[in-house]
Protein backbone atom coordinates (compact mmCIF):
# COMPACT_ATOMS: atom_id res chain seq x y z
CA MET A 1 33.30 -43.80 -44.33
CA ALA A 2 32.76 -42.88 -40.78
CA ARG A 3 34.13 -45.00 -38.05
CA HIS A 4 31.40 -46.40 -35.68
CA GLU A 5 31.91 -44.54 -32.34
CA ALA A 6 29.52 -46.17 -29.75
CA GLN A 7 31.01 -46.82 -26.26
CA TYR A 8 30.35 -49.74 -24.06
CA TYR A 9 28.56 -49.02 -20.89
CA ASN A 10 27.16 -50.99 -17.74
CA GLU A 11 23.55 -51.25 -17.39
CA ARG A 12 23.45 -47.79 -15.36
CA GLY A 13 25.00 -46.01 -18.21
CA PHE A 14 28.34 -45.57 -16.84
CA ALA A 15 31.69 -47.08 -18.09
CA PRO A 16 32.94 -49.71 -15.62
CA PRO A 17 36.22 -48.73 -13.88
CA ALA A 18 39.35 -50.45 -15.49
CA PRO A 19 41.30 -52.45 -13.23
CA ASP A 20 44.89 -51.83 -12.62
CA VAL A 21 46.01 -54.89 -14.29
CA PRO A 22 49.65 -54.58 -13.83
CA SER A 23 49.38 -54.00 -10.15
CA ILE A 24 46.90 -56.89 -9.56
CA VAL A 25 49.38 -59.23 -11.45
CA ARG A 26 52.32 -58.01 -9.86
CA GLY A 27 50.73 -58.65 -6.35
CA VAL A 28 49.90 -62.38 -7.52
CA VAL A 29 53.11 -63.25 -8.96
CA ASP A 30 55.04 -61.94 -5.96
CA ASP A 31 52.65 -63.98 -3.58
CA ILE A 32 53.11 -67.14 -5.64
CA ARG A 33 56.84 -66.59 -5.71
CA GLN A 34 56.95 -66.52 -1.93
CA ASN A 35 54.10 -68.97 -1.12
CA GLY A 36 54.00 -71.32 -3.97
CA ASP A 37 51.09 -73.71 -3.87
CA MET A 38 49.38 -72.19 -1.12
CA ALA A 39 48.98 -69.05 -2.81
CA VAL A 40 48.04 -70.57 -6.18
CA ARG A 41 45.20 -72.44 -4.43
CA SER A 42 44.18 -68.97 -2.72
CA TYR A 43 43.83 -67.41 -6.17
CA SER A 44 42.06 -70.18 -7.78
CA GLU A 45 39.50 -70.28 -5.10
CA LYS A 46 39.09 -66.62 -5.51
CA PHE A 47 39.15 -66.18 -9.12
CA ASP A 48 37.65 -69.47 -10.40
CA GLN A 49 36.12 -70.84 -7.11
CA TRP A 50 38.16 -73.96 -7.70
CA SER A 51 39.99 -75.97 -5.08
CA PRO A 52 40.13 -79.82 -5.96
CA GLN A 53 42.50 -81.96 -4.05
CA SER A 54 45.08 -81.78 -6.99
CA TYR A 55 45.09 -79.29 -9.89
CA LYS A 56 46.91 -82.09 -11.92
CA LEU A 57 44.90 -84.59 -13.67
CA SER A 58 45.81 -88.25 -13.16
CA GLN A 59 46.04 -90.35 -16.20
CA LYS A 60 42.74 -92.33 -14.91
CA GLU A 61 41.05 -88.99 -14.61
CA ILE A 62 42.10 -88.04 -18.07
CA GLU A 63 40.69 -91.27 -19.58
CA GLU A 64 37.34 -90.94 -17.80
CA ILE A 65 37.02 -87.25 -19.03
CA ILE A 66 37.80 -88.03 -22.59
CA SER A 67 35.43 -90.91 -22.76
CA LYS A 68 32.43 -88.09 -22.05
CA VAL A 69 33.50 -86.33 -25.36
CA PRO A 70 31.62 -87.51 -28.63
CA LYS A 71 33.37 -89.44 -31.27
CA GLN A 72 32.92 -86.66 -34.01
CA ILE A 73 34.90 -84.35 -31.68
CA ILE A 74 37.86 -86.81 -31.17
CA ASP A 75 37.86 -87.34 -34.99
CA ASP A 76 37.72 -83.74 -35.80
CA ILE A 77 40.55 -83.05 -33.13
CA GLU A 78 42.67 -85.90 -34.76
CA ALA A 79 42.03 -84.09 -38.23
CA VAL A 80 43.01 -80.61 -37.12
CA GLN A 81 46.02 -82.01 -35.05
CA ARG A 82 47.17 -83.71 -38.16
CA ASN A 83 46.98 -80.61 -40.21
CA VAL A 84 48.93 -78.57 -37.71
CA ARG A 85 51.46 -81.20 -37.13
CA THR A 86 52.16 -81.63 -40.77
CA PHE A 87 52.71 -77.97 -41.29
CA ALA A 88 54.93 -77.68 -38.23
CA LEU A 89 56.98 -80.66 -39.43
CA GLU A 90 57.50 -79.06 -42.67
CA GLN A 91 58.69 -75.71 -40.93
CA ARG A 92 61.02 -77.73 -38.80
CA LYS A 93 62.51 -79.10 -42.11
CA SER A 94 63.22 -75.52 -43.23
CA ILE A 95 65.41 -74.87 -40.26
CA THR A 96 68.72 -76.51 -40.82
CA ASP A 97 72.13 -76.99 -38.83
CA PHE A 98 75.25 -76.39 -40.80
CA GLU A 99 78.76 -76.01 -40.16
CA TYR A 100 81.24 -74.00 -42.54
CA GLU A 101 85.01 -73.94 -42.72
CA LEU A 102 85.68 -70.36 -42.94
CA ARG A 103 89.46 -70.78 -43.62
CA PRO A 104 91.61 -74.06 -43.28
CA GLY A 105 90.90 -75.46 -39.76
CA VAL A 106 88.57 -72.55 -38.75
CA TYR A 107 84.95 -74.26 -38.12
CA LEU A 108 81.76 -72.26 -37.44
CA GLY A 109 78.43 -73.80 -37.14
CA GLN A 110 75.14 -73.49 -36.10
CA LYS A 111 72.66 -75.92 -34.17
CA ASN A 112 68.93 -75.66 -33.39
CA ILE A 113 68.07 -77.08 -30.06
CA PRO A 114 64.69 -77.51 -28.52
CA ILE A 115 63.67 -76.02 -25.36
CA ASN A 116 63.68 -78.38 -22.60
CA ALA A 117 60.36 -77.42 -20.94
CA VAL A 118 57.10 -75.71 -22.36
CA GLY A 119 54.01 -74.55 -20.48
CA ALA A 120 50.97 -74.12 -22.84
CA TYR A 121 48.15 -71.95 -21.52
CA ILE A 122 45.02 -72.79 -22.97
CA PRO A 123 42.40 -70.29 -22.21
CA GLY A 124 38.68 -71.11 -21.34
CA GLY A 125 36.80 -68.00 -19.99
CA ARG A 126 33.99 -67.72 -22.89
CA TYR A 127 34.54 -70.84 -24.81
CA PRO A 128 36.64 -73.96 -24.53
CA LEU A 129 39.45 -73.22 -26.87
CA LEU A 130 40.47 -76.55 -28.24
CA ALA A 131 42.45 -74.92 -31.06
CA SER A 132 45.03 -73.16 -28.65
CA ALA A 133 46.13 -76.78 -27.65
CA HIS A 134 46.59 -77.77 -31.03
CA MET A 135 48.71 -74.66 -31.73
CA THR A 136 50.91 -74.50 -28.72
CA ILE A 137 51.41 -78.30 -27.85
CA VAL A 138 51.40 -79.98 -31.14
CA THR A 139 53.84 -77.41 -32.42
CA ALA A 140 56.13 -77.74 -29.29
CA ARG A 141 56.04 -81.49 -29.98
CA ALA A 142 57.05 -81.09 -33.55
CA ALA A 143 60.11 -78.73 -32.45
CA GLY A 144 61.24 -81.62 -30.06
CA VAL A 145 60.32 -80.32 -26.98
CA LYS A 146 61.24 -82.73 -24.09
CA ARG A 147 58.71 -81.85 -21.48
CA VAL A 148 55.33 -79.86 -22.27
CA ILE A 149 52.67 -79.11 -19.40
CA ALA A 150 49.55 -77.45 -19.97
CA CYS A 151 46.96 -75.33 -17.69
CA THR A 152 43.59 -74.72 -18.68
CA PRO A 153 40.90 -73.22 -16.34
CA PRO A 154 37.53 -74.62 -15.10
CA ILE A 155 34.45 -73.15 -17.20
CA GLN A 156 31.87 -72.35 -14.61
CA GLY A 157 33.08 -74.61 -12.10
CA GLU A 158 33.56 -77.58 -14.18
CA ILE A 159 36.33 -79.43 -16.10
CA PRO A 160 36.09 -79.02 -20.07
CA PRO A 161 36.24 -82.41 -21.45
CA SER A 162 36.76 -81.46 -24.98
CA THR A 163 39.77 -79.12 -23.99
CA VAL A 164 41.31 -81.95 -21.99
CA ALA A 165 40.98 -84.32 -24.80
CA ALA A 166 42.71 -81.98 -27.19
CA ILE A 167 45.42 -81.24 -24.66
CA HIS A 168 46.21 -84.90 -24.16
CA MET A 169 45.88 -85.69 -27.76
CA ALA A 170 48.33 -82.99 -28.66
CA GLY A 171 51.07 -84.81 -26.54
CA ALA A 172 51.10 -82.84 -23.11
CA ASP A 173 52.86 -84.65 -20.30
CA ASP A 174 50.98 -83.01 -17.41
CA ILE A 175 47.44 -81.29 -17.49
CA TYR A 176 46.30 -78.79 -14.66
CA ILE A 177 42.90 -77.69 -14.25
CA LEU A 178 44.23 -74.04 -13.40
CA GLY A 179 43.73 -70.74 -14.86
CA GLY A 180 44.63 -67.07 -14.95
CA VAL A 181 47.79 -65.35 -13.60
CA GLN A 182 48.11 -68.05 -10.94
CA ALA A 183 48.56 -70.59 -13.89
CA VAL A 184 51.08 -68.49 -15.68
CA ALA A 185 53.09 -67.68 -12.50
CA ALA A 186 53.24 -71.28 -11.31
CA MET A 187 54.54 -72.72 -14.68
CA ALA A 188 57.00 -69.74 -14.79
CA ILE A 189 58.35 -69.89 -11.17
CA GLY A 190 57.67 -73.38 -10.11
CA THR A 191 55.95 -74.55 -6.78
CA GLU A 192 56.04 -77.59 -4.69
CA THR A 193 53.73 -79.53 -7.19
CA ILE A 194 54.51 -77.66 -10.50
CA GLY A 195 57.78 -77.98 -12.23
CA LYS A 196 59.01 -74.78 -13.53
CA VAL A 197 59.30 -74.33 -17.25
CA ASP A 198 61.58 -72.33 -19.58
CA PHE A 199 58.95 -70.94 -21.98
CA ILE A 200 55.35 -70.31 -22.16
CA ALA A 201 52.98 -70.01 -25.00
CA GLY A 202 49.38 -69.54 -25.56
CA PRO A 203 46.73 -66.62 -25.61
CA GLY A 204 44.75 -65.40 -22.87
CA ASN A 205 43.05 -62.24 -21.44
CA SER A 206 44.66 -59.23 -20.37
CA PHE A 207 45.74 -60.64 -16.92
CA VAL A 208 47.22 -63.47 -18.46
CA ALA A 209 49.15 -61.47 -21.12
CA GLU A 210 50.36 -59.06 -18.26
CA ALA A 211 51.53 -61.98 -16.35
CA LYS A 212 53.54 -63.21 -19.31
CA ARG A 213 54.90 -59.79 -20.21
CA GLN A 214 56.11 -59.24 -16.25
CA LEU A 215 57.57 -62.72 -16.46
CA PHE A 216 59.39 -62.22 -19.87
CA GLY A 217 63.21 -62.65 -19.00
CA GLU A 218 62.70 -65.14 -16.10
CA ILE A 219 61.31 -67.23 -18.90
CA GLY A 220 60.63 -67.06 -22.53
CA ILE A 221 57.16 -66.26 -24.07
CA ASP A 222 55.73 -66.78 -27.59
CA LEU A 223 54.61 -62.95 -27.97
CA PRO A 224 52.75 -60.29 -26.10
CA ALA A 225 49.08 -60.73 -27.32
CA GLY A 226 46.16 -58.35 -27.13
CA PRO A 227 42.55 -58.74 -28.64
CA THR A 228 42.05 -60.43 -31.88
CA GLU A 229 41.99 -58.22 -34.99
CA VAL A 230 40.95 -58.62 -38.73
CA LEU A 231 41.44 -56.72 -41.56
CA ILE A 232 39.73 -57.33 -44.94
CA VAL A 233 40.74 -55.80 -48.16
CA ALA A 234 38.04 -56.17 -50.74
CA ASP A 235 37.40 -54.93 -54.33
CA GLN A 236 34.07 -54.41 -56.08
CA LYS A 237 33.79 -58.08 -57.09
CA ALA A 238 33.67 -59.24 -53.35
CA ASP A 239 30.34 -60.50 -51.86
CA PRO A 240 29.14 -58.23 -49.19
CA THR A 241 27.43 -60.99 -47.36
CA VAL A 242 31.04 -62.87 -47.34
CA VAL A 243 32.62 -59.60 -46.18
CA ALA A 244 30.32 -58.95 -43.50
CA THR A 245 30.09 -62.47 -42.35
CA ASP A 246 34.02 -62.78 -42.00
CA LEU A 247 34.07 -59.55 -40.21
CA LEU A 248 31.59 -60.79 -37.45
CA SER A 249 33.49 -64.08 -37.36
CA GLN A 250 36.37 -62.45 -35.74
CA ALA A 251 34.31 -59.66 -33.66
CA GLU A 252 32.62 -62.56 -31.75
CA HIS A 253 35.78 -63.06 -29.86
CA GLY A 254 35.22 -60.47 -27.49
CA PRO A 255 34.10 -56.81 -26.80
CA ASP A 256 37.37 -55.37 -27.93
CA THR A 257 38.07 -56.95 -31.38
CA PRO A 258 38.95 -54.48 -34.27
CA ALA A 259 37.22 -55.37 -37.46
CA MET A 260 38.20 -53.47 -40.57
CA LEU A 261 37.32 -53.15 -44.07
CA ILE A 262 39.18 -51.49 -46.85
CA THR A 263 38.04 -51.38 -50.32
CA ASN A 264 38.17 -49.25 -53.35
CA SER A 265 34.25 -49.47 -53.95
CA ARG A 266 31.94 -47.38 -51.99
CA PRO A 267 28.95 -49.56 -53.01
CA LEU A 268 30.81 -52.52 -51.69
CA ALA A 269 31.30 -50.65 -48.35
CA GLU A 270 27.80 -49.53 -47.88
CA LYS A 271 26.21 -52.91 -48.70
CA THR A 272 28.74 -54.53 -46.23
CA MET A 273 27.53 -52.27 -43.28
CA SER A 274 23.83 -53.02 -44.09
CA GLU A 275 24.75 -56.76 -44.17
CA VAL A 276 26.39 -56.51 -40.66
CA ASP A 277 23.54 -54.91 -39.13
CA ARG A 278 21.33 -57.50 -40.55
CA LEU A 279 23.50 -60.43 -39.57
CA LEU A 280 23.84 -59.07 -36.08
CA LYS A 281 20.31 -59.40 -35.46
CA ILE A 282 20.46 -63.12 -36.17
CA LEU A 283 24.02 -64.13 -34.67
CA PRO A 284 24.01 -66.01 -31.47
CA THR A 285 27.12 -64.30 -30.36
CA ALA A 286 25.80 -60.74 -31.31
CA ALA A 287 25.93 -59.68 -27.68
CA LEU A 288 29.84 -59.59 -27.89
CA ALA A 289 30.17 -59.04 -31.82
CA SER A 290 27.97 -56.06 -31.89
CA VAL A 291 29.97 -54.33 -29.03
CA SER A 292 33.20 -54.95 -31.06
CA TRP A 293 31.57 -53.58 -34.42
CA ASN A 294 30.26 -50.62 -32.56
CA ARG A 295 33.32 -49.67 -30.65
CA PHE A 296 36.15 -50.72 -33.04
CA GLY A 297 34.55 -51.45 -36.65
CA GLU A 298 36.02 -49.34 -39.34
CA VAL A 299 35.31 -49.14 -42.93
CA HIS A 300 37.75 -47.31 -45.55
CA VAL A 301 36.90 -46.27 -48.89
CA VAL A 302 40.34 -45.80 -51.04
CA GLU A 303 40.83 -44.64 -54.88
CA ASN A 304 42.65 -47.92 -55.68
CA LEU A 305 43.73 -51.28 -54.65
CA ASP A 306 47.57 -50.10 -54.24
CA GLU A 307 46.17 -47.52 -51.85
CA ALA A 308 44.11 -50.14 -50.01
CA TYR A 309 47.36 -52.42 -49.64
CA GLN A 310 49.28 -49.40 -48.36
CA LEU A 311 46.57 -48.43 -45.70
CA ALA A 312 46.47 -52.31 -44.73
CA ASP A 313 50.05 -52.29 -43.97
CA THR A 314 49.93 -49.23 -41.67
CA TYR A 315 47.52 -51.29 -39.44
CA ALA A 316 49.81 -54.16 -39.32
CA SER A 317 46.82 -56.35 -38.48
CA GLU A 318 47.04 -59.59 -36.84
CA HIS A 319 44.52 -61.46 -39.61
CA VAL A 320 44.33 -59.90 -43.16
CA GLN A 321 41.91 -61.13 -45.71
CA ILE A 322 42.25 -60.40 -49.21
CA LEU A 323 38.89 -60.80 -51.30
CA THR A 324 39.70 -59.51 -54.57
CA GLU A 325 40.20 -60.88 -58.17
CA GLN A 326 43.66 -61.33 -58.02
CA PRO A 327 44.40 -61.95 -54.08
CA ARG A 328 48.03 -63.20 -54.59
CA GLU A 329 49.11 -59.28 -55.26
CA ALA A 330 48.86 -58.91 -51.39
CA LEU A 331 51.94 -61.08 -51.20
CA VAL A 332 54.00 -58.85 -53.04
CA LYS A 333 52.30 -55.55 -52.21
CA MET A 334 52.13 -56.04 -48.39
CA SER A 335 54.61 -56.91 -45.50
CA ASN A 336 52.85 -56.16 -42.23
CA TYR A 337 50.63 -59.12 -41.09
CA GLY A 338 50.42 -61.68 -38.77
CA ALA A 339 48.81 -64.03 -41.29
CA ILE A 340 47.18 -63.46 -44.59
CA PHE A 341 44.43 -65.40 -46.13
CA LEU A 342 44.05 -65.21 -49.88
CA GLY A 343 40.70 -65.34 -51.70
CA GLU A 344 37.12 -65.90 -51.03
CA LYS A 345 37.70 -69.65 -50.66
CA THR A 346 39.75 -69.07 -47.74
CA CYS A 347 38.82 -67.34 -44.50
CA VAL A 348 40.53 -66.46 -41.12
CA SER A 349 38.40 -68.84 -39.24
CA TYR A 350 40.11 -71.57 -41.22
CA GLY A 351 43.40 -70.52 -39.75
CA ASP A 352 41.92 -70.28 -36.15
CA LYS A 353 40.28 -73.54 -36.21
CA CYS A 354 41.54 -76.14 -38.56
CA ILE A 355 43.87 -75.32 -41.62
CA GLY A 356 47.17 -76.25 -39.84
CA THR A 357 48.89 -72.74 -39.72
CA ASN A 358 49.33 -71.16 -36.25
CA HIS A 359 46.67 -68.88 -34.68
CA VAL A 360 49.03 -67.26 -32.04
CA LEU A 361 49.60 -64.14 -33.89
CA PRO A 362 51.07 -60.66 -33.27
CA THR A 363 48.62 -57.83 -32.36
CA LYS A 364 48.48 -54.10 -31.89
CA GLY A 365 51.12 -53.55 -34.63
CA ALA A 366 53.59 -56.03 -33.71
CA ALA A 367 53.37 -57.76 -37.12
CA ARG A 368 55.68 -54.77 -38.21
CA PHE A 369 58.35 -56.57 -36.33
CA THR A 370 57.62 -60.35 -35.70
CA GLY A 371 55.61 -63.20 -36.94
CA GLY A 372 53.54 -65.35 -34.73
CA LEU A 373 53.92 -68.77 -32.94
CA TRP A 374 55.61 -71.31 -35.02
CA VAL A 375 57.94 -74.19 -34.77
CA GLY A 376 61.08 -71.87 -34.65
CA LYS A 377 60.11 -70.25 -31.36
CA TYR A 378 60.51 -73.58 -29.44
CA LEU A 379 64.03 -73.96 -30.86
CA LYS A 380 67.20 -71.93 -29.49
CA THR A 381 69.38 -71.32 -32.42
CA VAL A 382 72.92 -71.56 -30.96
CA THR A 383 76.41 -71.30 -32.63
CA TYR A 384 79.65 -73.29 -32.00
CA GLN A 385 83.24 -72.46 -33.27
CA GLU A 386 86.49 -74.63 -33.46
CA VAL A 387 90.02 -73.85 -34.49
CA THR A 388 92.32 -76.70 -35.32
CA SER A 389 94.95 -75.12 -37.46
CA GLU A 390 97.98 -73.56 -35.42
CA GLN A 391 98.64 -71.11 -38.01
CA GLU A 392 95.05 -69.86 -38.03
CA SER A 393 94.65 -69.56 -34.37
CA GLY A 394 97.60 -67.59 -34.28
CA GLU A 395 96.48 -65.04 -37.07
CA LEU A 396 93.22 -64.88 -35.25
CA GLY A 397 95.11 -64.16 -32.06
CA ARG A 398 96.81 -61.01 -33.69
CA LEU A 399 93.46 -59.85 -35.32
CA CYS A 400 91.77 -60.12 -31.56
CA GLY A 401 94.71 -58.46 -29.87
CA ARG A 402 94.24 -55.39 -32.29
CA ALA A 403 90.21 -55.46 -32.44
CA ALA A 404 90.32 -55.67 -28.51
CA ARG A 405 92.99 -52.85 -27.89
CA ALA A 406 90.86 -50.66 -30.17
CA GLU A 407 87.95 -50.86 -27.74
CA GLY A 408 90.10 -50.88 -24.54
CA PHE A 409 89.76 -54.51 -23.64
CA GLU A 410 93.04 -55.55 -22.57
CA GLY A 411 92.05 -58.78 -21.01
CA HIS A 412 90.40 -59.90 -24.12
CA ALA A 413 93.56 -58.84 -26.25
CA ARG A 414 95.84 -61.05 -24.15
CA SER A 415 93.37 -64.23 -25.07
CA GLY A 416 94.63 -63.52 -28.45
CA ASP A 417 98.18 -62.70 -27.72
CA ILE A 418 98.65 -66.03 -25.71
CA ARG A 419 97.78 -67.89 -29.00
CA ALA A 420 99.77 -65.82 -31.05
CA HIS A 421 102.68 -66.38 -29.06
CA THR A 422 101.90 -70.29 -28.60
CA TYR A 423 101.56 -70.62 -32.36
CA LEU A 424 103.34 -68.12 -34.18
CA ARG A 425 106.09 -66.94 -31.49
CA ASP A 426 105.02 -63.54 -31.24
CA SER A 427 106.33 -61.77 -28.05
CA PHE A 428 104.78 -59.52 -25.65
CA ASP A 429 105.69 -57.52 -22.99
CA TRP A 430 102.93 -58.50 -20.63
CA LEU A 431 104.27 -62.20 -20.90
CA ASN A 432 107.68 -61.21 -19.94
CA ALA A 433 106.48 -59.18 -16.82
CA SER A 434 104.29 -61.91 -15.56
CA ALA A 435 107.01 -64.38 -15.86
CA LYS A 436 109.22 -62.12 -13.57
CA ILE A 437 106.72 -62.15 -10.91
């Protein structure tokens, strides 16, 4: 089945020139590094036309803003966050500290320590993304992070009340109405009014993603993020309207979302494409979804489901949805995906918005080597060791000396030698030489 190849042009018929994102981001980061709050304010005015007296919301402002949010939305936020928190806490239980006695008097241990300070970026360009607050902040709190701050941009010059409610209810200590590179850089570097964090989580546009990439190493990040992706594996029993609806549910994220179908049924493929065309005529977000579908939509017809799973694995898509008679087969036959959604009763939108698993997931093939954001990302797995036996310390000293000298590390070897000498009475020329100096 041929791939859609339409291009996205401006109203004059020419593709708009692509901005040099890395250079722009580097300039903003360097300026904020040098000029702090003054630079942050300058870029907020330039990019968001937003320059309040303070970007940080006071407790009184938060209460006033949340009072404007309808009760049903507050109730729904509570329900979704309860799901996310429950799953994250179960994940945390699966990560255990341990101590093991390797030999008598030789103890090796592992501890999982929460990161001290986390910054959550909650995007808000096209839509108020409440779910990003649930995924980043609730999960950080479940991990035991001591300090969590959040930044979210104004939307068309206004503070987004529902987003503020979600951030506050998720447990953020401080909320800043601040977006873009300036928000990420301020959290990562620290300014006069925004305390530096150790880790930043949350999705964003290409500028936000590039800022996180450039600052990685100075701070930790959840993962590099690109446009949302969806891939559906379906057989002849799948409902083409369901398939088409679920493809478009992700395509509406933006004009650059890959939406793919792999099936062993040509009739299903053809009916799904017809349904996509029909649904795009009545979808309120068709202006975005149609661009993604026309540019990046793909439909593949293969011989059988085994071939479908193999092909799906080569894409390593962010979201993989299985609409087959035996959806759990995919758990055995696939290994490359950010999150997998099994059966017609499940959909990617559940993961995005409400079911409780995390929606910050790997894109652009990164699912080949990493999973998405989870409670473990907010933990540092560290080790400790203790030797209480003189005999074992001496034996380890002998082993260390031999192993280190095999690599040419004489200083390391002598750390072992001194213990072999102290506890096993071994003698070494270098000890006698140092005694004569």
